[in-house]
Structures are given as C-alpha cells and as structure tokens.
Amino acid sequence: MPGTLYLVATPIGNLQDMTFRAVEVLRSVDVIACEDTRHTRKLLNAFEISTKLASYHEHNEEERADEFAKLLAEGKSVAVVSDAGTPGINDPGFRVVQKAIEIGADVVPIPGAVAFVNAVIASGLPTDSIYFGGFLPSKTGDRKKRFREVAAIPATLVFYETPHRIAAAIRDALTELGDRQAVAARELTKMHEEIIRGMLSELFERFASDQPRGEFVLVIDRAGSETSPSISISISDRIAQLEIEGVDHKTALKQVAKERGIGKSEAYRLLQSEKQ
C-alpha cells in the first residue's frame, strides 16, 4: 500500500500557533519536504523534532515531486511544509499532491495558519465571498491589468504584496478599481502586527511617504459594496458630485465606472436607465 502525504501548516510568525497535530505528524513521518532546510530545522528544534529533511522549492519542485512519489509508492510517509503558513498556498506543494493522487496515496491536510485568511477575517470587510489572487505582478502594466480583470468580481479581493511595492500596488488599485474600502495587514501574528484600514486613497497617502517592513496582505472591498460611500448613491448623483468638483462629464462617467468595477459603456447604460 502507498504511504501518506501530509500537507502540514506551520506558524506564519508566532510559534504558539503550531498545533499539537502538526508536531505529532512531523515527528512520525519518514521525511519532511521543506523550502529551506535551515529555516525549517530551527522550527523543528523548537519542538524537539529530529525527522530527516529534504529541500523542496520552486527550482527543484518537478524533480523532487517524482522522488517523493517514489517514497510514497514504497509505503513511506512524507510531510510537506513551507517556510511559513500552509504549503501549496503560493508555495510548492501542487505537483507532489498530483503525483501522490496518481499513485493512489492518501493526501492528508493538517490545517493551521494562512496569512490571507487572518487578514480577511480581521479586515471588517465582507467574508461571504472572497477572491484570493496571490502575489500581484511586479510590473505596473501587468498589475493594472490584473486589477482590471478582477474589478467586477462580486467578492472581497485579497492579494499578497512586498513592502517595497505596497504603495505602488495601492496606487494602481485606486486607479483601476476606484476609491474602495481597503485594508493593508502586515507582520500578522508577530510582535509588530499592524492592520491598517481606510479608503485606498488614504492608504496610498499613508504608504507613499513611508517605507514599511514585513510582507503585506492587501484586502479590497468588492465593487458595489455598501461599505464604499462613493457607490451608495446613484450614478447620476455621483457624476453631479464630480462635476461640482470641476471634473468634466466624460471623465466623471469614466471614474464612476471604475468605482463600481464596470465598463464605461455599462455605466452609460445605467445612467440612461436612471434618467428614464
């Protein structure tokens, strides 16, 4: 009989988030596949775990997945961990799971911390429907394209971002999505944990002149949400507001469309319906 593949979540910062079950599994398996053996060894030492380690990262994922599948086929048990959080969530894990399924091995998830889940539940934004987009593209053009692609999704939008790109990411979100409620969460579960709430425009102002530290989770309200003040009124009234501020009608219509996460032609159609 094939062995068992365990996908073991580890803390994203606070060691007290390690579960009893995770410790038990990591002690019992034949080998632990991890991104950085030095990093994981420190974690194992903290819990007096001496199981053999094997590197498993994005550069050797294909080759190592085959090796671990061979071990599973021999009846051995393998645990996969990432440097922090749940393996497979923006970390290696997908390919070895596929291989395990192909040979008929059991795949057992050992739940624990996930950064984007913690950020969402603490954000104060709707949690009934969530879109997780992983890390945003590093280039401005690609990042803006990604925001346009998800603008109309009826779900709270969640992304990972690096500290040196968070201001640019918020700026591009503001440009492509309109000024929505948002949250930037950093250093979750750690000593300097910070959850910053406000409109995208307010967050951009905060980070434009500040070089923060720590990986970020960016949470953005959905299009048409009642928590976004600029889209709680009719299109015609919102256009009127912008025109009073000196924005011409054409530009105002385009901005309202972005605020609602819809196309300009759709915004124009809705405007005509309101007038009728």
Protein backbone atom coordinates (compact mmCIF):
# COMPACT_ATOMS: atom_id res chain seq x y z
CA MET A 1 0.00 0.00 0.00
CA PRO A 2 1.30 3.51 -0.78
CA GLY A 3 2.27 5.75 2.11
CA THR A 4 0.61 9.00 3.14
CA LEU A 5 1.38 12.54 2.04
CA TYR A 6 0.76 15.13 4.76
CA LEU A 7 0.43 18.85 3.99
CA VAL A 8 1.37 20.46 7.28
CA ALA A 9 0.68 24.12 8.06
CA THR A 10 3.27 25.85 10.24
CA PRO A 11 3.20 29.24 12.04
CA ILE A 12 3.42 32.43 9.99
CA GLY A 13 5.26 34.18 12.81
CA ASN A 14 4.15 33.18 16.27
CA LEU A 15 5.45 29.75 17.31
CA GLN A 16 2.48 29.30 19.66
CA ASP A 17 0.30 28.82 16.56
CA MET A 18 1.92 25.42 15.95
CA THR A 19 -0.72 22.73 16.50
CA PHE A 20 -0.32 19.55 18.55
CA ARG A 21 -1.34 17.54 15.49
CA ALA A 22 1.32 19.20 13.32
CA VAL A 23 4.03 18.36 15.85
CA GLU A 24 2.84 14.75 16.07
CA VAL A 25 2.80 14.30 12.29
CA LEU A 26 6.22 15.88 11.75
CA ARG A 27 7.69 13.56 14.37
CA SER A 28 6.15 10.44 12.83
CA VAL A 29 6.83 10.79 9.08
CA ASP A 30 9.87 9.39 7.28
CA VAL A 31 10.88 12.67 5.66
CA ILE A 32 9.85 16.34 5.71
CA ALA A 33 9.95 18.23 2.43
CA CYS A 34 10.64 21.93 3.02
CA GLU A 35 11.63 25.07 1.13
CA ASP A 36 14.67 25.97 3.25
CA THR A 37 16.17 23.20 5.39
CA ARG A 38 17.97 25.69 7.67
CA HIS A 39 14.77 27.64 8.32
CA THR A 40 12.69 24.53 8.96
CA ARG A 41 15.38 22.95 11.18
CA LYS A 42 15.04 25.94 13.55
CA LEU A 43 11.30 25.30 13.76
CA LEU A 44 11.80 21.58 14.37
CA ASN A 45 14.41 22.24 17.06
CA ALA A 46 11.92 24.42 18.92
CA PHE A 47 9.61 21.40 19.19
CA GLU A 48 12.33 18.74 19.58
CA ILE A 49 11.64 17.12 16.21
CA SER A 50 14.54 15.28 14.58
CA THR A 51 12.94 13.95 11.39
CA LYS A 52 15.04 13.93 8.20
CA LEU A 53 14.66 16.99 5.95
CA ALA A 54 14.73 17.28 2.15
CA SER A 55 14.67 20.51 0.15
CA TYR A 56 11.57 21.13 -1.94
CA HIS A 57 11.29 24.55 -3.58
CA GLU A 58 10.23 26.15 -6.84
CA HIS A 59 13.55 25.38 -8.56
CA ASN A 60 13.53 21.62 -7.91
CA GLU A 61 9.79 21.02 -7.47
CA GLU A 62 9.32 18.80 -10.53
CA GLU A 63 12.31 16.55 -9.81
CA ARG A 64 11.65 16.25 -6.08
CA ALA A 65 7.93 15.54 -6.62
CA ASP A 66 8.94 12.40 -8.51
CA GLU A 67 11.34 11.40 -5.73
CA PHE A 68 8.72 11.83 -3.02
CA ALA A 69 6.18 9.93 -5.11
CA LYS A 70 8.65 7.03 -5.26
CA LEU A 71 8.96 7.08 -1.47
CA LEU A 72 5.18 7.09 -1.14
CA ALA A 73 4.93 4.16 -3.53
CA GLU A 74 7.33 2.26 -1.24
CA GLY A 75 4.96 2.82 1.68
CA LYS A 76 6.89 5.71 3.26
CA SER A 77 5.18 8.78 4.69
CA VAL A 78 6.12 12.31 3.59
CA ALA A 79 5.20 15.68 5.11
CA VAL A 80 5.34 18.91 3.12
CA VAL A 81 5.85 22.25 4.88
CA SER A 82 6.54 25.76 3.61
CA ASP A 83 8.71 28.39 5.26
CA ALA A 84 5.55 29.80 6.85
CA GLY A 85 1.86 29.02 6.67
CA THR A 86 0.10 26.40 4.59
CA PRO A 87 2.02 24.56 1.84
CA GLY A 88 0.51 24.96 -1.61
CA ILE A 89 -0.74 28.49 -0.92
CA ASN A 90 1.72 30.48 -3.04
CA ASP A 91 4.31 27.87 -2.12
CA PRO A 92 5.39 24.48 -3.51
CA GLY A 93 3.00 21.58 -2.95
CA PHE A 94 0.79 21.32 -6.02
CA ARG A 95 2.96 18.91 -8.03
CA VAL A 96 3.68 16.44 -5.26
CA VAL A 97 -0.04 16.32 -4.45
CA GLN A 98 -0.75 15.47 -8.08
CA LYS A 99 1.88 12.69 -8.04
CA ALA A 100 0.51 11.28 -4.79
CA ILE A 101 -3.01 11.13 -6.21
CA GLU A 102 -1.75 9.41 -9.35
CA ILE A 103 -0.21 6.54 -7.40
CA GLY A 104 -3.16 6.21 -5.05
CA ALA A 105 -1.51 7.59 -1.91
CA ASP A 106 -3.62 9.30 0.73
CA VAL A 107 -3.28 13.09 0.88
CA VAL A 108 -4.00 14.47 4.35
CA PRO A 109 -4.09 18.23 5.08
CA ILE A 110 -3.02 19.30 8.58
CA PRO A 111 -4.67 22.73 8.99
CA GLY A 112 -3.14 25.83 10.50
CA ALA A 113 -2.24 29.42 9.76
CA VAL A 114 -2.92 31.13 6.40
CA ALA A 115 -1.95 34.80 6.19
CA PHE A 116 -4.67 35.94 3.79
CA VAL A 117 -7.43 34.27 5.84
CA ASN A 118 -6.29 36.05 9.01
CA ALA A 119 -6.18 39.37 7.17
CA VAL A 120 -9.68 38.95 5.73
CA ILE A 121 -11.41 37.98 8.96
CA ALA A 122 -9.83 40.94 10.77
CA SER A 123 -10.44 43.43 7.95
CA GLY A 124 -14.06 44.25 8.68
CA LEU A 125 -14.89 43.71 5.01
CA PRO A 126 -17.42 41.10 3.81
CA THR A 127 -16.25 37.50 4.14
CA ASP A 128 -19.14 35.67 2.46
CA SER A 129 -17.27 35.58 -0.86
CA ILE A 130 -13.50 36.00 -1.24
CA TYR A 131 -11.22 36.15 -4.29
CA PHE A 132 -7.58 35.33 -3.49
CA GLY A 133 -5.18 36.43 -6.21
CA GLY A 134 -1.82 35.51 -4.65
CA PHE A 135 1.11 37.85 -5.27
CA LEU A 136 0.43 40.80 -7.55
CA PRO A 137 2.61 41.18 -10.69
CA SER A 138 5.78 43.18 -10.13
CA LYS A 139 5.41 45.41 -13.21
CA THR A 140 2.98 48.32 -13.17
CA GLY A 141 1.33 47.47 -16.51
CA ASP A 142 0.75 43.84 -15.54
CA ARG A 143 -0.51 44.87 -12.12
CA LYS A 144 -3.04 47.30 -13.57
CA LYS A 145 -4.20 44.62 -16.00
CA ARG A 146 -4.75 42.22 -13.08
CA PHE A 147 -6.86 44.78 -11.24
CA ARG A 148 -8.96 45.39 -14.36
CA GLU A 149 -9.51 41.65 -14.71
CA VAL A 150 -10.94 41.34 -11.21
CA ALA A 151 -12.67 44.71 -10.93
CA ALA A 152 -16.21 43.39 -11.35
CA ILE A 153 -15.84 40.18 -9.32
CA PRO A 154 -18.57 40.20 -6.63
CA ALA A 155 -16.16 39.26 -3.85
CA THR A 156 -13.70 40.80 -1.43
CA LEU A 157 -10.35 40.94 -3.26
CA VAL A 158 -7.21 39.68 -1.49
CA PHE A 159 -3.58 39.82 -2.65
CA TYR A 160 -0.08 39.38 -1.27
CA GLU A 161 2.44 42.17 -1.80
CA THR A 162 6.00 43.01 -0.82
CA PRO A 163 6.82 46.02 1.39
CA HIS A 164 8.75 47.88 -1.32
CA ARG A 165 5.83 47.61 -3.79
CA ILE A 166 2.83 48.12 -1.48
CA ALA A 167 2.49 51.86 -2.22
CA ALA A 168 2.61 51.28 -5.99
CA ALA A 169 0.11 48.43 -5.71
CA ILE A 170 -2.35 50.59 -3.76
CA ARG A 171 -1.89 53.41 -6.28
CA ASP A 172 -2.68 51.09 -9.19
CA ALA A 173 -5.67 49.61 -7.35
CA LEU A 174 -7.00 53.12 -6.80
CA THR A 175 -6.54 53.95 -10.48
CA GLU A 176 -8.20 50.79 -11.82
CA LEU A 177 -10.79 49.98 -9.14
CA GLY A 178 -11.78 53.40 -7.86
CA ASP A 179 -11.61 54.52 -4.26
CA ARG A 180 -12.82 51.49 -2.29
CA GLN A 181 -12.56 50.50 1.34
CA ALA A 182 -9.37 48.51 1.90
CA VAL A 183 -7.04 47.02 4.50
CA ALA A 184 -3.27 46.58 4.48
CA ALA A 185 -2.16 43.98 7.02
CA ARG A 186 1.47 43.28 7.81
CA GLU A 187 3.54 41.16 10.20
CA LEU A 188 0.47 39.10 11.10
CA THR A 189 0.80 37.13 14.39
CA LYS A 190 4.18 38.80 15.05
CA MET A 191 5.21 41.40 17.60
CA HIS A 192 4.74 44.32 15.20
CA GLU A 193 1.45 43.14 13.70
CA GLU A 194 -0.43 46.03 12.11
CA ILE A 195 -3.82 46.16 10.40
CA ILE A 196 -4.41 49.48 8.65
CA ARG A 197 -7.94 50.27 7.46
CA GLY A 198 -9.26 53.07 5.24
CA MET A 199 -10.08 54.04 1.68
CA LEU A 200 -7.48 53.16 -0.96
CA SER A 201 -6.70 56.86 -1.31
CA GLU A 202 -5.99 57.09 2.43
CA LEU A 203 -3.79 54.01 2.41
CA PHE A 204 -1.82 55.33 -0.55
CA GLU A 205 -1.23 58.60 1.27
CA ARG A 206 -0.03 56.62 4.27
CA PHE A 207 2.48 54.47 2.39
CA ALA A 208 3.58 56.92 -0.33
CA SER A 209 5.97 58.59 2.11
CA ASP A 210 6.66 55.58 4.34
CA GLN A 211 8.87 52.57 3.65
CA PRO A 212 7.21 49.82 5.68
CA ARG A 213 8.63 46.44 6.65
CA GLY A 214 7.14 42.97 6.51
CA GLU A 215 5.09 41.11 3.92
CA PHE A 216 1.64 42.57 3.26
CA VAL A 217 -1.83 41.24 2.67
CA LEU A 218 -3.93 43.75 0.73
CA VAL A 219 -7.70 43.35 1.16
CA ILE A 220 -10.03 45.42 -1.07
CA ASP A 221 -13.79 45.77 -0.93
CA ARG A 222 -15.88 44.39 -3.78
CA ALA A 223 -17.48 46.51 -6.50
CA GLY A 224 -20.87 47.86 -5.49
CA SER A 225 -20.42 47.14 -1.78
CA GLU A 226 -22.47 49.20 0.63
CA THR A 227 -19.28 49.89 2.62
CA SER A 228 -17.93 52.10 -0.18
CA PRO A 229 -19.55 55.54 0.18
CA SER A 230 -18.95 56.63 -3.40
CA ILE A 231 -21.13 53.83 -4.78
CA SER A 232 -24.01 54.06 -2.33
CA ILE A 233 -25.65 56.79 -4.45
CA SER A 234 -27.00 56.81 -8.00
CA ILE A 235 -24.68 57.19 -10.96
CA SER A 236 -26.26 60.49 -11.94
CA ASP A 237 -25.84 61.92 -8.43
CA ARG A 238 -22.23 60.76 -8.25
CA ILE A 239 -21.48 62.35 -11.62
CA ALA A 240 -23.09 65.55 -10.39
CA GLN A 241 -20.81 65.49 -7.34
CA LEU A 242 -17.73 65.14 -9.51
CA GLU A 243 -18.85 67.87 -11.90
CA ILE A 244 -19.26 70.23 -8.94
CA GLU A 245 -15.65 69.43 -8.07
CA GLY A 246 -14.65 70.53 -11.58
CA VAL A 247 -14.47 67.17 -13.37
CA ASP A 248 -15.89 67.18 -16.90
CA HIS A 249 -18.84 64.88 -17.68
CA LYS A 250 -16.91 62.35 -19.78
CA THR A 251 -14.16 61.94 -17.18
CA ALA A 252 -16.72 61.75 -14.38
CA LEU A 253 -18.55 58.91 -16.14
CA LYS A 254 -15.28 57.03 -16.56
CA GLN A 255 -14.42 57.48 -12.86
CA VAL A 256 -17.86 56.31 -11.73
CA ALA A 257 -17.47 53.20 -13.89
CA LYS A 258 -14.16 52.40 -12.18
CA GLU A 259 -15.66 52.99 -8.73
CA ARG A 260 -18.31 50.40 -9.49
CA GLY A 261 -15.98 47.97 -11.22
CA ILE A 262 -17.94 48.08 -14.50
CA GLY A 263 -17.18 49.19 -18.05
CA LYS A 264 -17.81 52.73 -19.24
CA SER A 265 -20.50 51.58 -21.68
CA GLU A 266 -22.31 49.74 -18.88
CA ALA A 267 -22.13 52.84 -16.68
CA TYR A 268 -23.59 54.91 -19.52
CA ARG A 269 -26.41 52.40 -20.00
CA LEU A 270 -27.25 52.51 -16.28
CA LEU A 271 -27.13 56.31 -16.34
CA GLN A 272 -29.67 56.39 -19.16
CA SER A 273 -31.88 53.95 -17.27
CA GLU A 274 -31.79 56.22 -14.21
CA LYS A 275 -32.84 59.20 -16.32
CA GLN A 276 -35.74 57.23 -17.77
